[in-house]
Protein backbone atom coordinates (compact mmCIF):
# COMPACT_ATOMS: atom_id res chain seq x y z
CA UNK A 1 -32.37 29.72 19.48
CA UNK A 2 -31.91 27.14 22.25
CA UNK A 3 -28.39 26.02 23.09
CA UNK A 4 -26.36 24.34 25.83
CA UNK A 5 -24.34 27.19 27.33
CA UNK A 6 -21.64 27.07 30.01
CA UNK A 7 -22.27 28.90 33.28
CA UNK A 8 -20.25 29.65 36.42
CA UNK A 9 -19.02 26.73 38.47
CA UNK A 10 -17.98 24.57 35.51
CA UNK A 11 -21.57 23.70 34.62
CA UNK A 12 -23.93 24.26 31.69
CA UNK A 13 -27.64 24.81 31.08
CA UNK A 14 -30.07 25.20 28.19
CA UNK A 15 -30.51 28.89 27.39
CA UNK A 16 -32.08 31.04 24.69
CA UNK A 17 -29.31 32.85 22.81
CA UNK A 18 -29.15 34.79 19.53
CA UNK A 19 -28.76 32.85 16.29
CA UNK A 20 -25.11 33.31 15.23
CA UNK A 21 -24.49 35.74 12.39
CA UNK A 22 -22.09 34.06 9.95
CA UNK A 23 -18.77 35.80 9.41
CA UNK A 24 -17.51 36.38 5.86
CA UNK A 25 -16.54 33.05 4.33
CA UNK A 26 -18.82 31.14 6.72
CA UNK A 27 -22.36 29.77 6.36
CA UNK A 28 -25.24 29.31 8.78
CA UNK A 29 -26.72 25.85 9.22
CA UNK A 30 -29.73 24.48 11.04
CA UNK A 31 -28.27 21.74 13.25
CA UNK A 32 -30.24 18.53 12.78
CA UNK A 33 -28.00 16.26 14.86
CA UNK A 34 -24.93 16.46 17.05
CA UNK A 35 -22.63 13.92 18.66
CA UNK A 36 -20.83 13.61 21.95
CA UNK A 37 -17.04 13.69 21.91
CA UNK A 38 -16.29 14.47 25.54
CA UNK A 39 -17.82 14.25 28.98
CA UNK A 40 -18.66 16.76 31.72
CA UNK A 41 -14.96 17.58 32.12
CA UNK A 42 -15.07 19.36 28.77
CA UNK A 43 -17.75 21.71 30.09
CA UNK A 44 -15.91 22.25 33.36
CA UNK A 45 -12.84 23.49 31.49
CA UNK A 46 -14.75 25.98 29.29
CA UNK A 47 -15.29 29.65 30.07
CA UNK A 48 -18.81 30.67 31.15
CA UNK A 49 -21.13 31.94 28.43
CA UNK A 50 -20.07 29.79 25.46
CA UNK A 51 -22.04 27.28 23.42
CA UNK A 52 -20.72 23.71 23.77
CA UNK A 53 -20.47 20.98 21.16
CA UNK A 54 -18.19 20.04 18.26
CA UNK A 55 -19.76 17.55 15.82
CA UNK A 56 -22.79 18.37 13.69
CA UNK A 57 -24.95 17.43 10.75
CA UNK A 58 -27.38 19.95 9.41
CA UNK A 59 -28.99 21.87 6.58
CA UNK A 60 -27.63 25.08 5.09
CA UNK A 61 -30.05 27.96 5.73
CA UNK A 62 -27.78 30.88 4.74
CA UNK A 63 -24.87 30.15 2.37
CA UNK A 64 -23.66 33.74 2.95
CA UNK A 65 -21.84 33.91 -0.38
CA UNK A 66 -19.96 30.62 0.10
CA UNK A 67 -19.91 27.66 -2.28
CA UNK A 68 -22.65 25.94 -0.26
CA UNK A 69 -26.28 25.78 -1.41
CA UNK A 70 -29.35 26.61 0.63
CA UNK A 71 -30.98 23.35 1.69
CA UNK A 72 -27.78 21.32 1.25
CA UNK A 73 -27.12 18.61 3.86
CA UNK A 74 -23.64 18.91 5.35
CA UNK A 75 -21.68 17.61 8.34
CA UNK A 76 -18.39 18.28 10.07
CA UNK A 77 -16.98 19.53 13.34
CA UNK A 78 -15.97 22.87 14.83
CA UNK A 79 -13.87 24.10 17.72
CA UNK A 80 -16.69 23.88 20.25
CA UNK A 81 -16.76 26.17 23.29
CA UNK A 82 -14.85 28.73 21.22
CA UNK A 83 -15.68 32.37 21.87
CA UNK A 84 -13.89 34.00 18.95
CA UNK A 85 -16.12 33.48 17.10
CA UNK A 86 -18.76 31.36 18.90
CA UNK A 87 -19.16 28.03 17.11
CA UNK A 88 -20.69 25.37 19.40
CA UNK A 89 -23.05 22.78 17.93
CA UNK A 90 -25.10 21.81 20.98
CA UNK A 91 -27.55 24.33 19.55
CA UNK A 92 -30.29 24.75 16.97
CA UNK A 93 -28.04 26.75 14.62
CA UNK A 94 -24.30 26.97 14.05
CA UNK A 95 -21.78 28.84 11.92
CA UNK A 96 -19.51 26.66 9.78
CA UNK A 97 -16.69 27.07 7.27
CA UNK A 98 -17.25 25.31 3.91
CA UNK A 99 -13.65 24.08 3.71
CA UNK A 100 -14.13 21.80 6.71
CA UNK A 101 -17.40 19.99 6.01
CA UNK A 102 -18.57 17.17 3.78
CA UNK A 103 -21.74 16.69 1.75
CA UNK A 104 -23.98 14.09 3.39
CA UNK A 105 -25.20 11.36 1.00
CA UNK A 106 -28.92 10.60 0.92
CA UNK A 107 -28.19 7.11 2.25
CA UNK A 108 -26.66 8.47 5.48
CA UNK A 109 -28.83 9.71 8.36
CA UNK A 110 -28.20 12.99 10.15
CA UNK A 111 -27.26 11.20 13.37
CA UNK A 112 -24.78 8.94 11.57
CA UNK A 113 -23.27 11.90 9.70
CA UNK A 114 -22.92 13.88 12.93
CA UNK A 115 -21.01 11.04 14.59
CA UNK A 116 -18.06 11.04 12.20
CA UNK A 117 -15.92 14.14 11.89
CA UNK A 118 -14.12 14.83 15.17
CA UNK A 119 -13.25 11.19 15.80
CA UNK A 120 -12.21 10.64 12.18
CA UNK A 121 -10.07 13.80 12.29
CA UNK A 122 -8.38 12.59 15.47
CA UNK A 123 -7.61 9.26 13.83
CA UNK A 124 -6.36 11.04 10.70
CA UNK A 125 -3.99 13.30 12.60
CA UNK A 126 -2.74 10.45 14.78
CA UNK A 127 -1.87 8.23 11.82
CA UNK A 128 -0.24 11.21 10.11
CA UNK A 129 1.97 11.80 13.13
CA UNK A 130 2.92 8.14 13.05
CA UNK A 131 4.10 8.89 9.49
CA UNK A 132 1.86 6.20 8.06
CA UNK A 133 0.54 6.07 4.49
CA UNK A 134 -2.76 7.77 3.63
CA UNK A 135 -5.94 5.80 3.12
CA UNK A 136 -5.90 7.08 -0.48
CA UNK A 137 -2.35 5.82 -1.12
CA UNK A 138 -2.07 2.28 0.29
CA UNK A 139 1.25 0.47 0.57
CA UNK A 140 1.96 -2.63 -1.50
CA UNK A 141 3.46 -4.61 1.39
CA UNK A 142 1.51 -4.53 4.67
CA UNK A 143 3.32 -3.82 7.93
CA UNK A 144 1.89 -3.80 11.46
CA UNK A 145 0.24 -1.04 13.44
CA UNK A 146 -1.05 -1.55 16.98
CA UNK A 147 -4.18 0.34 18.07
CA UNK A 148 -4.88 0.30 21.81
CA UNK A 149 -8.56 0.91 22.56
CA UNK A 150 -9.80 0.01 19.10
CA UNK A 151 -13.48 -0.13 20.10
CA UNK A 152 -13.45 3.55 21.02
CA UNK A 153 -14.96 6.00 18.55
CA UNK A 154 -11.52 7.17 17.42
CA UNK A 155 -10.20 3.61 17.45
CA UNK A 156 -12.85 2.29 15.06
CA UNK A 157 -12.00 5.00 12.54
CA UNK A 158 -8.26 4.42 13.00
CA UNK A 159 -8.74 0.71 12.27
CA UNK A 160 -10.58 1.53 9.04
CA UNK A 161 -8.07 4.14 7.85
CA UNK A 162 -5.20 1.77 8.58
CA UNK A 163 -6.85 -1.05 6.62
CA UNK A 164 -7.57 1.30 3.71
CA UNK A 165 -3.81 2.01 3.72
CA UNK A 166 -3.22 -1.79 3.56
CA UNK A 167 -1.66 -2.07 7.02
CA UNK A 168 -1.80 -5.14 9.27
CA UNK A 169 -3.94 -4.01 12.20
CA UNK A 170 -3.41 -5.43 15.69
CA UNK A 171 -5.95 -4.12 18.19
CA UNK A 172 -7.01 -4.39 21.80
CA UNK A 173 -10.58 -4.22 23.05
CA UNK A 174 -12.69 -5.80 25.75
CA UNK A 175 -13.84 -9.33 24.95
CA UNK A 176 -17.42 -8.22 24.30
CA UNK A 177 -16.22 -5.83 21.57
CA UNK A 178 -13.94 -8.26 19.70
CA UNK A 179 -16.49 -9.06 16.97
CA UNK A 180 -17.21 -5.35 16.57
CA UNK A 181 -13.54 -4.48 16.06
CA UNK A 182 -13.00 -7.40 13.67
CA UNK A 183 -16.04 -6.26 11.72
CA UNK A 184 -14.38 -2.87 11.22
CA UNK A 185 -11.31 -4.56 9.75
CA UNK A 186 -8.81 -5.45 12.49
CA UNK A 187 -6.66 -8.47 11.64
CA UNK A 188 -5.90 -9.48 15.24
CA UNK A 189 -7.94 -8.47 18.32
CA UNK A 190 -6.59 -9.05 21.83
CA UNK A 191 -8.29 -8.65 25.20
CA UNK A 192 -6.53 -5.86 27.07
CA UNK A 193 -7.48 -7.58 30.32
CA UNK A 194 -5.27 -10.58 29.50
CA UNK A 195 -2.18 -10.50 31.71
CA UNK A 196 0.01 -11.26 28.70
CA UNK A 197 -1.61 -8.90 26.18
CA UNK A 198 1.70 -7.10 25.55
CA UNK A 199 3.39 -10.39 24.62
CA UNK A 200 0.41 -11.31 22.41
CA UNK A 201 0.82 -8.05 20.48
CA UNK A 202 4.56 -8.65 20.12
CA UNK A 203 3.96 -12.14 18.74
CA UNK A 204 1.27 -10.92 16.32
CA UNK A 205 3.77 -8.37 14.97
CA UNK A 206 6.67 -10.85 14.90
CA UNK A 207 8.59 -8.48 17.19
CA UNK A 208 8.64 -5.92 14.34
CA UNK A 209 6.11 -3.37 15.59
CA UNK A 210 7.20 0.23 14.93
CA UNK A 211 3.87 2.12 15.09
CA UNK A 212 1.49 2.36 18.08
CA UNK A 213 -1.65 4.48 18.50
CA UNK A 214 -2.99 4.68 22.07
CA UNK A 215 -6.57 5.97 21.84
CA UNK A 216 -7.07 5.79 25.63
CA UNK A 217 -3.85 7.52 26.67
CA UNK A 218 -3.79 7.16 30.42
CA UNK A 219 -0.38 6.94 32.04
CA UNK A 220 -0.86 3.20 32.49
CA UNK A 221 -2.02 2.44 28.94
CA UNK A 222 0.73 4.45 27.26
CA UNK A 223 3.46 3.01 29.47
CA UNK A 224 2.24 -0.52 28.70
CA UNK A 225 1.73 0.15 24.97
CA UNK A 226 5.35 1.31 24.63
CA UNK A 227 6.44 -2.20 25.65
CA UNK A 228 4.86 -3.67 22.52
CA UNK A 229 7.35 -1.88 20.25
CA UNK A 230 10.23 -3.61 18.51
CA UNK A 231 13.61 -3.68 20.31
CA UNK A 232 14.74 -1.40 17.46
CA UNK A 233 12.33 1.30 18.70
CA UNK A 234 9.43 3.03 17.04
CA UNK A 235 6.79 5.71 17.40
CA UNK A 236 3.75 6.03 19.67
CA UNK A 237 0.98 8.63 19.41
CA UNK A 238 -1.47 9.50 22.21
CA UNK A 239 -4.55 11.73 22.26
CA UNK A 240 -4.07 12.98 25.82
CA UNK A 241 -1.09 14.91 27.15
CA UNK A 242 1.72 12.49 27.93
CA UNK A 243 5.44 13.23 28.05
CA UNK A 244 8.52 11.17 27.31
CA UNK A 245 9.83 11.91 30.80
CA UNK A 246 6.60 10.75 32.45
CA UNK A 247 6.45 7.51 30.48
CA UNK A 248 10.18 6.80 30.63
CA UNK A 249 10.67 6.06 26.95
CA UNK A 250 13.43 3.63 26.02
CA UNK A 251 16.05 4.70 23.45
CA UNK A 252 14.77 4.88 19.90
CA UNK A 253 11.12 5.51 20.81
CA UNK A 254 9.38 8.77 19.88
CA UNK A 255 6.13 10.01 21.45
CA UNK A 256 3.67 12.58 20.11
CA UNK A 257 0.31 13.88 21.29
CA UNK A 258 -2.29 14.28 18.53
CA UNK A 259 -4.64 17.27 18.48
CA UNK A 260 -7.61 16.96 16.16
CA UNK A 261 -7.83 20.74 15.78
CA UNK A 262 -4.60 20.71 13.79
CA UNK A 263 -6.77 19.90 10.75
CA UNK A 264 -7.84 23.56 11.00
CA UNK A 265 -4.21 24.69 11.16
CA UNK A 266 -4.28 25.03 14.96
CA UNK A 267 -1.13 23.88 16.80
CA UNK A 268 0.08 22.57 13.47
CA UNK A 269 2.96 20.11 13.79
CA UNK A 270 2.61 18.18 10.56
CA UNK A 271 2.06 20.11 7.35
CA UNK A 272 0.01 17.20 5.99
CA UNK A 273 -2.74 17.42 8.64
CA UNK A 274 -4.77 20.12 6.86
CA UNK A 275 -4.23 18.81 3.33
CA UNK A 276 -4.93 15.20 4.33
CA UNK A 277 -8.13 16.17 6.13
CA UNK A 278 -9.45 18.23 3.22
CA UNK A 279 -8.65 15.34 0.88
CA UNK A 280 -10.52 12.88 3.10
CA UNK A 281 -13.54 15.22 3.31
CA UNK A 282 -13.80 15.13 -0.48
CA UNK A 283 -13.68 11.32 -0.45
CA UNK A 284 -16.08 10.88 2.49
CA UNK A 285 -19.40 10.95 0.59
CA UNK A 286 -18.23 8.17 -1.75
CA UNK A 287 -16.64 6.20 1.10
CA UNK A 288 -19.88 6.35 3.07
CA UNK A 289 -22.09 5.39 0.12
CA UNK A 290 -19.87 2.42 -0.75
CA UNK A 291 -19.43 1.49 2.93
CA UNK A 292 -15.67 1.70 2.52
CA UNK A 293 -15.89 3.73 5.73
CA UNK A 294 -18.56 2.94 8.31
CA UNK A 295 -19.68 5.24 11.15
CA UNK A 296 -19.60 4.05 14.76
CA UNK A 297 -22.53 2.11 16.20
CA UNK A 298 -24.90 4.80 17.45
CA UNK A 299 -26.61 5.34 20.79
CA UNK A 300 -29.45 7.73 20.01
CA UNK A 301 -29.78 9.37 23.38
CA UNK A 302 -32.48 11.98 22.75
CA UNK A 303 -32.35 15.69 22.07
CA UNK A 304 -30.83 18.94 23.28
CA UNK A 305 -32.37 18.59 26.74
CA UNK A 306 -30.74 15.17 27.21
CA UNK A 307 -27.13 16.16 26.51
CA UNK A 308 -26.10 16.77 30.12
CA UNK A 309 -27.37 13.32 31.06
CA UNK A 310 -25.47 11.77 28.15
CA UNK A 311 -22.27 13.53 29.19
CA UNK A 312 -22.69 12.20 32.71
CA UNK A 313 -23.18 8.65 31.42
CA UNK A 314 -19.93 8.89 29.47
CA UNK A 315 -18.07 10.32 32.45
CA UNK A 316 -19.15 7.31 34.51
CA UNK A 317 -17.76 4.92 31.89
CA UNK A 318 -21.17 3.91 30.60
CA UNK A 319 -20.29 4.10 26.90
CA UNK A 320 -18.46 1.26 25.14
CA UNK A 321 -18.33 0.49 21.42
CA UNK A 322 -20.90 3.21 20.67
CA UNK A 323 -21.16 6.91 19.91
CA UNK A 324 -23.81 8.98 21.69
CA UNK A 325 -25.77 11.18 19.27
CA UNK A 326 -28.65 13.62 19.65
CA UNK A 327 -31.37 14.82 17.28
CA UNK A 328 -31.87 18.60 17.43
CA UNK A 329 -35.23 20.20 16.60
């Protein structure tokens, strides 16, 4: 099969490699589409000789004794660039575990299905670590959550999960993406370029904000987002490594870093990550059919041979309010 494989020097190239042989309890799928969840830095950090890629949508070709059916359309994400066993999805075939995929409804395209899982899992884990209610168990009385970077792929899913839980969503995004973020459910959208955006968030929350999710997670964004919290303190979750010492947290503020792979039981910090994710996967087909959950706007960038170019575009900041996806033949 053809696949994007890492090579020496922190680079990658298209190579012909063997079709993976599924381990016991795993199935083999033909990858029909994949999505981009990182940039060239992700390749640079990987060991040489591994297949890249996390998100996928495809067709089961070998159920291998699992509960899946040959010909079934499925989607999910894997620990890409893993070598034990190899799992990357920037390839024509991939090995997947049936516990961590969802059945793709007929009304959902392969590219749309491929765009969902890793970003949705990141949003799921992040809201779990904020100790917020599940989308399947909404609260009766809304309370505020602030999502910084709500037009990002993760941010758009976080907005939707928070609204499904009946929270009051305050979000930041660039001015051009305000209508997009409102369309996904945000109650208040603020331009992060405004000099007083922190004060605007505080006013929108009536100075009672206790939960912040920073989807961008630079030093500057996290340090600023902390200032939106209530004087009584609260909780902030990032998706990049940040520390309390680095940010200089005030008393009463907790900080966590969310890792999407905890839905597989990796680096598990919250026992609910795995169970919540499996529950959401069961609900996903119905959510997608009813449009209770909507995938990101898609940028259909091409095929396997175009992935390196797409990664470079993202690294240069050329992606906003969209998810890059690829069709694999």
